[in-house]
Amino acid sequence: MKKVAVILSILMIFAAALIPSGAAFANSALMEKRSGDNFGLFAVSDDDLSVISEELIFDFRAPYPSRESGPVGQVTAKYNINNAGGKKSALMGFPLMTSLREISSMRNPGVTCNGSAISYDIFYLPDPAIDISELSFEDVLELINNRFMGFGGEKGILYTIDPMILQKTKELEIEFMLPSASKILYGCYYMVGIADSGGSHSRIKMATGYHPDIGLPSIFVIGEDISDISIKAVDMQGNGFGDGILSELVREEMAIDLYISSYAQSELDGDNAIDYDEARILTIGAIKNFIDGDERILDMSYLGISLFDSARLILLSYTAELEEGQNEVIITYPIINGGFNNHYRPSKYTYSYISSPAKNWKSFGSLTVRIYPSADAPFVIDSSLNMQRQEDGSYVCTISGVPDNNITFVLCASENPRYVRSPNFSPLIIIIMISIFLVIAAFVAGIGYLIARSIKRKKGNVAVQKKKQRV
């Protein structure tokens, strides 16, 4: 299984080098939380509240490290909010694009109002492939309100292996027939093969072993049950054992929601930074997308990578206690992976900022954007705003109101990157590929030498025998 994981990781690295992605950030807007039949979060306006100015800072300077996917840094959004009425509580939403792992382990977002830290809630959207380029604040709230929350009483069938049997197992191979209308979720197995039987079933072959560090193998069937199950087990001494039928398997019916809850709990074991309920909702959404899709088999061992490590849309919800007059609200959060284009040398890194929520205020004064590039990519070579380079290497633009489109800018190590037809993989990957090639070449050459030497010896022995016969 570890070999399979390594291969998949390498494939993911190559795919990431070929496919541009985007890191998006956002802006605050007023909203309200309703209960009852019209439950959810909804955008609102308040005639007493307006934004006098906003200063938006993108800081990629040290000590933030750069990555293969681009410079890493921090966003700071400073709002000067005028409250024309009396003291009031304002519920605000701040959508941004980041991963759960980054937002919890790197640097948690910080929210302050008039110098005092305030708490916030986080709502995650299950689909990481959402196009945020033209999303409005209302669109974000609608996506959150319409999240799929559970399967009710719908059940599946869980197959596990008796841990006592598994402890003495070096290798276990299982085959079964999967009905065409059914789906399976599996963990701690590796796929050996899938064969279409030509009818309404497919034959599936999987293998596993005793790996207590990564969990117990399981198969969860949604729909019609699997059939024609056969098992081949080998113990630590290489001897076969078991009756090859179902005695090695433990079968039980289980609610899909309970299976998902158990999975989310195991994935977050010891990780207190990620909210369990939101992680469970994320998993429910991912399983719902899988069930509704064309794929029939889902490896749960790698689902956590997609759920917790992939960038996705997130909404920070916080309540600011606003005094009458001017108030300062500051939000800081990490910038992760820029949408990098490896078809340029040097690579280009694109960052986006969802500015549409700012349009929900009664009025919006001025917006100042400051970009402090990293030493690795010190140039802003393209932007949706007219960014002007300063003597200290930063870039600044001030406009009145809110831009018509979301803000984007591109960082690069050169002001004039050159387009190349083939992407330039990192030197490390190239070195690894060359090293693998040299090892294989040396191995083949060694085998060839041994074969040639063996043939030469045989010919020599034959010549000696013939000479002896003549004598």
Protein backbone atom coordinates (compact mmCIF):
# COMPACT_ATOMS: atom_id res chain seq x y z
CA MET A 1 0.00 0.00 0.00
CA LYS A 2 2.85 2.36 0.74
CA LYS A 3 4.19 1.83 -2.80
CA VAL A 4 0.77 2.68 -4.21
CA ALA A 5 0.59 5.82 -2.05
CA VAL A 6 4.01 6.94 -3.28
CA ILE A 7 3.02 6.41 -6.92
CA LEU A 8 -0.23 8.34 -6.44
CA SER A 9 1.65 11.17 -4.72
CA ILE A 10 4.06 11.42 -7.66
CA LEU A 11 1.14 11.48 -10.11
CA MET A 12 -0.49 14.27 -8.09
CA ILE A 13 2.75 16.30 -8.24
CA PHE A 14 2.93 15.92 -12.05
CA ALA A 15 -0.75 16.83 -12.40
CA ALA A 16 -0.29 19.91 -10.23
CA ALA A 17 2.59 21.04 -12.44
CA LEU A 18 0.38 20.90 -15.53
CA ILE A 19 -2.92 22.36 -14.26
CA PRO A 20 -3.14 26.00 -13.19
CA SER A 21 -5.16 26.52 -10.03
CA GLY A 22 -6.24 29.58 -8.10
CA ALA A 23 -5.97 30.85 -4.56
CA ALA A 24 -8.81 33.21 -3.81
CA PHE A 25 -9.48 35.62 -0.98
CA ALA A 26 -12.49 37.69 -0.11
CA ASN A 27 -14.24 40.66 1.48
CA SER A 28 -16.69 41.16 4.36
CA ALA A 29 -20.42 41.81 4.06
CA LEU A 30 -23.41 42.07 6.41
CA MET A 31 -25.72 39.08 6.84
CA GLU A 32 -28.30 37.65 9.21
CA LYS A 33 -29.06 34.19 10.54
CA ARG A 34 -32.66 33.05 10.31
CA SER A 35 -34.38 30.08 11.92
CA GLY A 36 -37.58 28.18 11.25
CA ASP A 37 -38.75 27.32 7.73
CA ASN A 38 -36.50 29.99 6.23
CA PHE A 39 -33.37 28.77 8.04
CA GLY A 40 -29.96 29.89 6.87
CA LEU A 41 -27.64 32.84 6.32
CA PHE A 42 -28.87 35.73 4.21
CA ALA A 43 -27.28 38.95 2.97
CA VAL A 44 -28.76 42.15 4.41
CA SER A 45 -28.05 45.86 4.36
CA ASP A 46 -28.11 48.48 7.12
CA ASP A 47 -28.66 52.13 6.31
CA ASP A 48 -26.62 53.11 9.37
CA LEU A 49 -23.47 51.23 8.30
CA SER A 50 -21.04 52.19 5.56
CA VAL A 51 -17.37 51.59 4.77
CA ILE A 52 -15.34 54.80 4.75
CA SER A 53 -12.21 53.03 3.50
CA GLU A 54 -10.56 49.65 3.21
CA GLU A 55 -6.85 48.87 3.09
CA LEU A 56 -6.04 45.49 1.61
CA ILE A 57 -2.50 44.17 2.14
CA PHE A 58 -0.97 41.10 0.49
CA ASP A 59 2.33 40.39 2.24
CA PHE A 60 4.55 37.68 0.72
CA ARG A 61 7.78 38.79 2.45
CA ALA A 62 9.80 36.70 4.90
CA PRO A 63 9.33 34.84 7.16
CA TYR A 64 6.67 33.20 5.00
CA PRO A 65 8.19 30.34 2.93
CA SER A 66 7.73 29.82 -0.80
CA ARG A 67 6.46 26.55 -2.22
CA GLU A 68 6.41 24.79 -5.56
CA SER A 69 2.92 26.25 -6.05
CA GLY A 70 4.00 29.81 -5.35
CA PRO A 71 4.88 32.34 -2.64
CA VAL A 72 3.08 32.01 0.69
CA GLY A 73 2.11 34.95 2.86
CA GLN A 74 -0.67 36.74 4.68
CA VAL A 75 -3.68 38.88 3.77
CA THR A 76 -4.71 41.76 6.02
CA ALA A 77 -8.02 43.52 5.38
CA LYS A 78 -8.53 46.72 7.41
CA TYR A 79 -12.01 48.28 7.38
CA ASN A 80 -12.90 51.77 8.61
CA ILE A 81 -16.64 51.37 9.23
CA ASN A 82 -18.94 54.27 10.09
CA ASN A 83 -21.96 53.56 12.29
CA ALA A 84 -24.44 56.41 11.96
CA GLY A 85 -26.80 54.87 14.54
CA GLY A 86 -26.37 53.73 18.11
CA LYS A 87 -24.22 50.85 19.32
CA LYS A 88 -25.15 47.62 17.54
CA SER A 89 -24.08 44.05 16.86
CA ALA A 90 -23.36 43.33 13.21
CA LEU A 91 -23.16 39.75 11.92
CA MET A 92 -20.68 39.61 9.05
CA GLY A 93 -19.52 36.99 6.60
CA PHE A 94 -16.11 36.78 4.99
CA PRO A 95 -15.72 34.19 2.19
CA LEU A 96 -12.23 33.01 1.29
CA MET A 97 -10.51 30.17 -0.54
CA THR A 98 -8.12 27.99 1.45
CA SER A 99 -7.73 24.44 2.72
CA LEU A 100 -8.80 23.20 6.12
CA ARG A 101 -5.31 21.96 6.87
CA GLU A 102 -3.73 25.31 5.99
CA ILE A 103 -6.22 27.43 7.85
CA SER A 104 -5.86 25.31 10.99
CA SER A 105 -2.15 24.41 11.08
CA MET A 106 -0.41 27.34 9.39
CA ARG A 107 -1.79 30.51 10.91
CA ASN A 108 -5.39 30.71 12.09
CA PRO A 109 -7.38 33.69 10.85
CA GLY A 110 -7.50 36.60 13.22
CA VAL A 111 -10.49 38.95 13.59
CA THR A 112 -10.44 42.10 15.72
CA CYS A 113 -12.91 44.92 16.25
CA ASN A 114 -11.55 48.19 17.67
CA GLY A 115 -8.46 46.35 18.89
CA SER A 116 -10.26 43.48 20.66
CA ALA A 117 -10.12 39.92 19.31
CA ILE A 118 -13.48 38.38 18.47
CA SER A 119 -14.41 34.75 17.82
CA TYR A 120 -15.72 33.38 14.54
CA ASP A 121 -17.41 30.33 13.07
CA ILE A 122 -16.27 28.56 9.89
CA PHE A 123 -18.57 27.08 7.25
CA TYR A 124 -17.01 24.84 4.60
CA LEU A 125 -18.34 24.11 1.12
CA PRO A 126 -17.96 20.44 0.11
CA ASP A 127 -17.08 20.97 -3.55
CA PRO A 128 -13.47 22.17 -4.10
CA ALA A 129 -14.11 22.65 -7.84
CA ILE A 130 -16.46 25.64 -7.48
CA ASP A 131 -15.66 28.49 -9.86
CA ILE A 132 -15.45 31.55 -7.62
CA SER A 133 -14.52 34.05 -10.34
CA GLU A 134 -18.04 35.50 -10.65
CA LEU A 135 -19.61 34.48 -7.34
CA SER A 136 -21.64 37.09 -5.47
CA PHE A 137 -21.97 37.11 -1.70
CA GLU A 138 -25.56 35.90 -2.10
CA ASP A 139 -24.30 32.96 -4.19
CA VAL A 140 -21.90 31.95 -1.41
CA LEU A 141 -24.63 32.02 1.23
CA GLU A 142 -26.99 30.05 -1.00
CA LEU A 143 -24.34 27.33 -1.48
CA ILE A 144 -23.91 27.10 2.30
CA ASN A 145 -27.65 27.05 2.99
CA ASN A 146 -28.17 24.25 0.43
CA ARG A 147 -25.45 21.93 1.69
CA PHE A 148 -26.52 18.28 1.80
CA MET A 149 -26.68 17.42 5.50
CA GLY A 150 -27.28 13.67 5.67
CA PHE A 151 -28.76 10.45 4.26
CA GLY A 152 -31.42 9.98 6.93
CA GLY A 153 -32.02 6.32 7.68
CA GLU A 154 -30.45 4.99 4.47
CA LYS A 155 -28.13 2.07 5.20
CA GLY A 156 -25.22 0.27 3.62
CA ILE A 157 -23.32 -2.94 4.37
CA LEU A 158 -19.93 -2.81 6.07
CA TYR A 159 -17.39 -5.61 5.63
CA THR A 160 -14.39 -5.71 7.95
CA ILE A 161 -11.83 -8.38 8.84
CA ASP A 162 -11.54 -9.94 12.27
CA PRO A 163 -8.53 -8.13 13.84
CA MET A 164 -7.34 -11.39 15.44
CA ILE A 165 -7.13 -12.98 11.99
CA LEU A 166 -5.60 -9.88 10.45
CA GLN A 167 -2.75 -9.82 12.99
CA LYS A 168 -1.33 -13.07 11.60
CA THR A 169 -1.94 -12.09 7.98
CA LYS A 170 0.93 -11.09 5.73
CA GLU A 171 -1.23 -10.75 2.64
CA LEU A 172 -4.97 -11.12 2.07
CA GLU A 173 -6.63 -11.04 -1.33
CA ILE A 174 -10.38 -10.71 -1.76
CA GLU A 175 -12.50 -11.07 -4.90
CA PHE A 176 -16.22 -10.38 -5.28
CA MET A 177 -18.93 -9.46 -7.76
CA LEU A 178 -20.20 -5.86 -7.62
CA PRO A 179 -23.69 -5.17 -9.04
CA SER A 180 -23.70 -2.44 -11.69
CA ALA A 181 -26.07 -0.24 -9.67
CA SER A 182 -24.03 -0.48 -6.46
CA LYS A 183 -21.14 1.61 -5.13
CA ILE A 184 -18.37 0.73 -2.71
CA LEU A 185 -16.23 2.81 -0.37
CA TYR A 186 -13.06 1.07 0.72
CA GLY A 187 -10.12 1.79 2.98
CA CYS A 188 -6.73 0.20 3.71
CA TYR A 189 -6.92 -1.99 0.62
CA TYR A 190 -5.15 -1.55 -2.67
CA MET A 191 -6.90 -2.27 -5.93
CA VAL A 192 -5.59 -5.28 -7.86
CA GLY A 193 -8.04 -5.35 -10.75
CA ILE A 194 -11.53 -4.61 -12.07
CA ALA A 195 -13.04 -6.83 -14.76
CA ASP A 196 -16.36 -6.34 -16.53
CA SER A 197 -18.21 -9.64 -16.45
CA GLY A 198 -20.18 -8.67 -19.54
CA GLY A 199 -23.44 -8.62 -17.61
CA SER A 200 -24.84 -6.64 -14.73
CA HIS A 201 -21.84 -7.25 -12.45
CA SER A 202 -18.13 -6.47 -12.33
CA ARG A 203 -15.50 -8.65 -10.67
CA ILE A 204 -13.37 -6.72 -8.18
CA LYS A 205 -10.06 -7.92 -6.75
CA MET A 206 -8.38 -6.17 -3.80
CA ALA A 207 -5.52 -7.00 -1.46
CA THR A 208 -4.43 -5.91 2.00
CA GLY A 209 -2.28 -6.95 4.96
CA TYR A 210 -1.72 -6.14 8.61
CA HIS A 211 -0.92 -2.41 8.83
CA PRO A 212 -1.95 -1.22 12.33
CA ASP A 213 -0.40 2.19 11.70
CA ILE A 214 -2.94 3.07 8.98
CA GLY A 215 -6.07 1.34 10.25
CA LEU A 216 -8.16 -1.74 9.57
CA PRO A 217 -9.30 -2.59 6.02
CA SER A 218 -12.99 -2.15 5.27
CA ILE A 219 -15.46 -2.27 2.38
CA PHE A 220 -18.75 -0.35 2.61
CA VAL A 221 -21.41 -1.27 0.05
CA ILE A 222 -24.15 1.19 -0.93
CA GLY A 223 -26.96 -0.44 -2.90
CA GLU A 224 -27.32 -4.14 -3.70
CA ASP A 225 -24.88 -6.29 -1.76
CA ILE A 226 -21.72 -7.80 -3.24
CA SER A 227 -21.70 -11.55 -3.97
CA ASP A 228 -19.51 -14.51 -4.97
CA ILE A 229 -16.88 -13.55 -2.39
CA SER A 230 -13.61 -15.50 -2.22
CA ILE A 231 -10.59 -14.90 0.02
CA LYS A 232 -6.98 -16.01 -0.17
CA ALA A 233 -4.93 -15.38 2.97
CA VAL A 234 -1.21 -15.95 3.64
CA ASP A 235 0.27 -15.87 7.15
CA MET A 236 3.59 -14.33 8.22
CA GLN A 237 5.41 -17.58 7.32
CA GLY A 238 3.97 -17.60 3.81
CA ASN A 239 1.47 -20.39 4.45
CA GLY A 240 -2.12 -20.20 3.26
CA PHE A 241 -4.90 -20.37 5.84
CA GLY A 242 -8.64 -19.83 6.23
CA ASP A 243 -11.55 -21.49 4.47
CA GLY A 244 -11.62 -18.91 1.66
CA ILE A 245 -15.25 -18.00 2.24
CA LEU A 246 -16.78 -15.56 4.75
CA SER A 247 -15.34 -16.64 8.08
CA GLU A 248 -12.57 -14.02 7.73
CA LEU A 249 -15.12 -11.24 7.14
CA VAL A 250 -17.40 -9.48 9.61
CA ARG A 251 -20.60 -8.24 7.91
CA GLU A 252 -23.00 -5.70 9.40
CA GLU A 253 -25.63 -3.26 8.25
CA MET A 254 -24.82 0.34 9.11
CA ALA A 255 -26.43 3.72 8.49
CA ILE A 256 -24.49 5.70 5.89
CA ASP A 257 -24.42 8.71 8.22
CA LEU A 258 -22.94 6.59 11.02
CA TYR A 259 -20.25 5.23 8.68
CA ILE A 260 -19.39 8.79 7.62
CA SER A 261 -19.29 10.00 11.23
CA SER A 262 -16.90 7.19 12.16
CA TYR A 263 -14.70 8.01 9.17
CA ALA A 264 -14.57 11.74 9.99
CA GLN A 265 -13.76 10.94 13.63
CA SER A 266 -10.88 8.64 12.64
CA GLU A 267 -9.50 11.16 10.14
CA LEU A 268 -9.52 13.92 12.76
CA ASP A 269 -8.12 11.77 15.56
CA GLY A 270 -5.86 14.11 17.52
CA ASP A 271 -6.51 17.05 15.17
CA ASN A 272 -8.49 19.48 17.31
CA ALA A 273 -8.01 22.44 14.98
CA ILE A 274 -10.63 21.22 12.49
CA ASP A 275 -14.25 21.30 13.64
CA TYR A 276 -15.68 17.76 13.71
CA ASP A 277 -19.23 18.73 12.70
CA GLU A 278 -18.03 20.70 9.69
CA ALA A 279 -15.63 17.88 8.72
CA ARG A 280 -18.56 15.45 8.91
CA ILE A 281 -20.70 17.69 6.68
CA LEU A 282 -17.80 17.93 4.22
CA THR A 283 -17.55 14.14 4.12
CA ILE A 284 -21.31 13.76 3.66
CA GLY A 285 -21.17 16.17 0.70
CA ALA A 286 -18.25 14.31 -0.87
CA ILE A 287 -20.01 10.93 -0.52
CA LYS A 288 -23.22 12.42 -1.98
CA ASN A 289 -21.27 13.71 -5.00
CA PHE A 290 -19.71 10.26 -5.40
CA ILE A 291 -23.07 8.48 -5.24
CA ASP A 292 -24.58 10.87 -7.78
CA GLY A 293 -21.57 10.57 -10.11
CA ASP A 294 -20.44 7.92 -12.58
CA GLU A 295 -17.64 6.42 -10.49
CA ARG A 296 -18.48 3.20 -8.66
CA ILE A 297 -15.48 2.81 -6.36
CA LEU A 298 -14.05 5.35 -3.91
CA ASP A 299 -10.79 4.93 -1.98
CA MET A 300 -11.46 6.43 1.43
CA SER A 301 -7.73 6.35 2.23
CA TYR A 302 -7.24 9.32 -0.08
CA LEU A 303 -10.56 11.09 0.46
CA GLY A 304 -9.09 12.92 3.44
CA ILE A 305 -6.47 14.51 1.17
CA SER A 306 -9.23 15.97 -0.98
CA LEU A 307 -11.36 17.03 1.99
CA PHE A 308 -8.74 18.59 4.24
CA ASP A 309 -5.80 19.48 1.98
CA SER A 310 -7.50 20.80 -1.18
CA ALA A 311 -8.36 24.50 -1.43
CA ARG A 312 -12.09 25.14 -1.10
CA LEU A 313 -14.48 27.99 -0.42
CA ILE A 314 -14.85 28.82 3.27
CA LEU A 315 -17.03 31.40 5.03
CA LEU A 316 -15.85 33.07 8.22
CA SER A 317 -18.84 34.25 10.25
CA TYR A 318 -18.26 36.76 13.06
CA THR A 319 -20.18 39.35 15.05
CA ALA A 320 -18.67 42.82 15.44
CA GLU A 321 -19.83 45.08 18.26
CA LEU A 322 -19.86 48.48 16.53
CA GLU A 323 -19.81 51.71 18.50
CA GLU A 324 -21.52 54.83 17.21
CA GLY A 325 -19.12 56.63 14.86
CA GLN A 326 -15.99 55.12 13.29
CA ASN A 327 -14.90 51.53 13.97
CA GLU A 328 -11.90 49.51 12.79
CA VAL A 329 -12.35 45.85 11.87
CA ILE A 330 -9.22 43.89 10.88
CA ILE A 331 -9.09 40.39 9.42
CA THR A 332 -5.85 38.47 8.79
CA TYR A 333 -5.46 35.02 7.27
CA PRO A 334 -2.90 32.97 5.34
CA ILE A 335 -2.31 33.10 1.61
CA ILE A 336 -1.72 29.61 0.25
CA ASN A 337 -0.91 28.14 -3.14
CA GLY A 338 -1.04 30.65 -5.96
CA GLY A 339 -2.57 29.48 -9.24
CA PHE A 340 0.73 28.72 -10.92
CA ASN A 341 1.29 28.42 -14.67
CA ASN A 342 4.32 26.24 -15.33
CA HIS A 343 4.18 26.91 -19.07
CA TYR A 344 6.24 30.04 -18.38
CA ARG A 345 9.87 30.36 -17.40
CA PRO A 346 10.03 31.47 -14.72
CA SER A 347 6.58 30.33 -13.54
CA LYS A 348 3.71 32.78 -13.07
CA TYR A 349 1.58 32.75 -9.90
CA THR A 350 -1.97 34.14 -10.01
CA TYR A 351 -3.87 35.29 -6.90
CA SER A 352 -7.53 36.33 -6.73
CA TYR A 353 -9.60 38.27 -4.24
CA ILE A 354 -13.40 38.11 -4.13
CA SER A 355 -14.35 41.76 -3.83
CA SER A 356 -18.07 41.40 -4.64
CA PRO A 357 -19.25 41.27 -0.97
CA ALA A 358 -18.14 44.90 -0.60
CA LYS A 359 -20.98 45.88 -2.94
CA ASN A 360 -23.52 44.93 -0.23
CA TRP A 361 -22.68 47.94 1.97
CA LYS A 362 -24.82 51.08 1.84
CA SER A 363 -21.78 52.98 0.60
CA PHE A 364 -18.15 52.15 0.09
CA GLY A 365 -15.52 54.90 0.07
CA SER A 366 -11.98 54.16 -1.06
CA LEU A 367 -10.04 50.94 -1.52
CA THR A 368 -6.24 50.83 -1.24
CA VAL A 369 -4.46 47.65 -2.31
CA ARG A 370 -0.84 47.02 -1.29
CA ILE A 371 1.22 44.08 -2.50
CA TYR A 372 4.56 43.20 -0.92
CA PRO A 373 6.06 40.50 -3.22
CA SER A 374 8.48 37.83 -2.07
CA ALA A 375 12.16 37.85 -2.93
CA ASP A 376 11.58 34.77 -5.13
CA ALA A 377 8.86 36.48 -7.21
CA PRO A 378 9.37 40.25 -6.78
CA PHE A 379 7.36 41.49 -9.78
CA VAL A 380 3.63 42.06 -10.29
CA ILE A 381 3.49 41.49 -14.06
CA ASP A 382 -0.29 41.62 -14.49
CA SER A 383 -3.27 42.83 -12.45
CA SER A 384 -6.93 43.76 -12.78
CA LEU A 385 -5.98 47.05 -11.04
CA ASN A 386 -3.45 49.67 -12.08
CA MET A 387 -0.78 48.65 -9.57
CA GLN A 388 2.18 51.06 -9.35
CA ARG A 389 5.62 49.87 -8.26
CA GLN A 390 7.13 51.81 -5.33
CA GLU A 391 10.77 52.46 -4.43
CA ASP A 392 10.69 49.75 -1.73
CA GLY A 393 9.56 47.14 -4.29
CA SER A 394 5.92 47.11 -3.18
CA TYR A 395 2.94 47.84 -5.43
CA VAL A 396 0.08 50.19 -4.56
CA CYS A 397 -3.27 51.18 -6.11
CA THR A 398 -6.07 53.34 -4.64
CA ILE A 399 -9.53 53.56 -6.21
CA SER A 400 -12.90 55.00 -5.24
CA GLY A 401 -15.63 52.48 -4.53
CA VAL A 402 -15.44 48.80 -5.38
CA PRO A 403 -13.96 47.38 -8.61
CA ASP A 404 -16.46 45.96 -11.08
CA ASN A 405 -14.69 42.58 -11.14
CA ASN A 406 -12.86 40.52 -8.54
CA ILE A 407 -9.24 41.55 -7.99
CA THR A 408 -6.50 39.42 -9.56
CA PHE A 409 -2.74 39.85 -9.83
CA VAL A 410 0.19 37.78 -11.09
CA LEU A 411 3.59 37.42 -9.38
CA CYS A 412 6.72 36.29 -11.20
CA ALA A 413 10.51 36.18 -10.77
CA SER A 414 10.88 38.05 -14.09
CA GLU A 415 9.07 41.01 -15.60
CA ASN A 416 9.04 39.21 -18.97
CA PRO A 417 8.61 35.45 -18.50
CA ARG A 418 9.06 33.30 -21.60
CA TYR A 419 6.29 30.95 -22.74
CA VAL A 420 7.39 27.35 -23.29
CA ARG A 421 5.41 24.57 -24.94
CA SER A 422 6.39 21.94 -22.36
CA PRO A 423 6.11 22.74 -18.63
CA ASN A 424 9.36 23.02 -16.71
CA PHE A 425 9.33 20.46 -13.91
CA SER A 426 11.24 21.28 -10.77
CA PRO A 427 14.97 20.39 -10.64
CA LEU A 428 14.26 17.90 -7.86
CA ILE A 429 11.81 15.95 -10.03
CA ILE A 430 14.22 16.03 -12.97
CA ILE A 431 17.05 14.74 -10.74
CA ILE A 432 14.81 11.95 -9.43
CA MET A 433 13.81 10.96 -12.98
CA ILE A 434 17.43 10.94 -14.17
CA SER A 435 18.51 8.94 -11.10
CA ILE A 436 15.80 6.34 -11.70
CA PHE A 437 16.82 6.09 -15.36
CA LEU A 438 20.50 5.64 -14.45
CA VAL A 439 19.67 2.95 -11.89
CA ILE A 440 17.56 1.07 -14.43
CA ALA A 441 20.24 1.47 -17.10
CA ALA A 442 22.92 0.22 -14.71
CA PHE A 443 20.74 -2.74 -13.72
CA VAL A 444 20.08 -3.67 -17.36
CA ALA A 445 23.77 -3.26 -18.22
CA GLY A 446 24.71 -5.46 -15.25
CA ILE A 447 22.28 -8.18 -16.27
CA GLY A 448 23.60 -7.99 -19.84
CA TYR A 449 27.17 -8.31 -18.60
CA LEU A 450 26.34 -11.35 -16.47
CA ILE A 451 24.49 -13.02 -19.36
CA ALA A 452 27.36 -12.32 -21.77
CA ARG A 453 29.86 -13.64 -19.21
CA SER A 454 27.80 -16.77 -18.68
CA ILE A 455 27.58 -17.41 -22.44
CA LYS A 456 31.32 -16.87 -22.82
CA ARG A 457 32.03 -19.37 -20.03
CA LYS A 458 29.77 -21.95 -21.62
CA LYS A 459 31.47 -21.50 -24.98
CA GLY A 460 34.86 -21.85 -23.28
CA ASN A 461 33.78 -25.04 -21.52
CA VAL A 462 32.48 -26.50 -24.80
CA ALA A 463 35.79 -25.68 -26.55
CA VAL A 464 37.79 -27.34 -23.78
CA GLN A 465 35.65 -30.48 -23.93
CA LYS A 466 36.02 -30.74 -27.70
CA LYS A 467 39.80 -30.36 -27.38
CA LYS A 468 39.91 -33.13 -24.77
CA GLN A 469 37.87 -35.38 -27.03
CA ARG A 470 40.30 -34.88 -29.93
CA VAL A 471 43.21 -35.67 -27.65
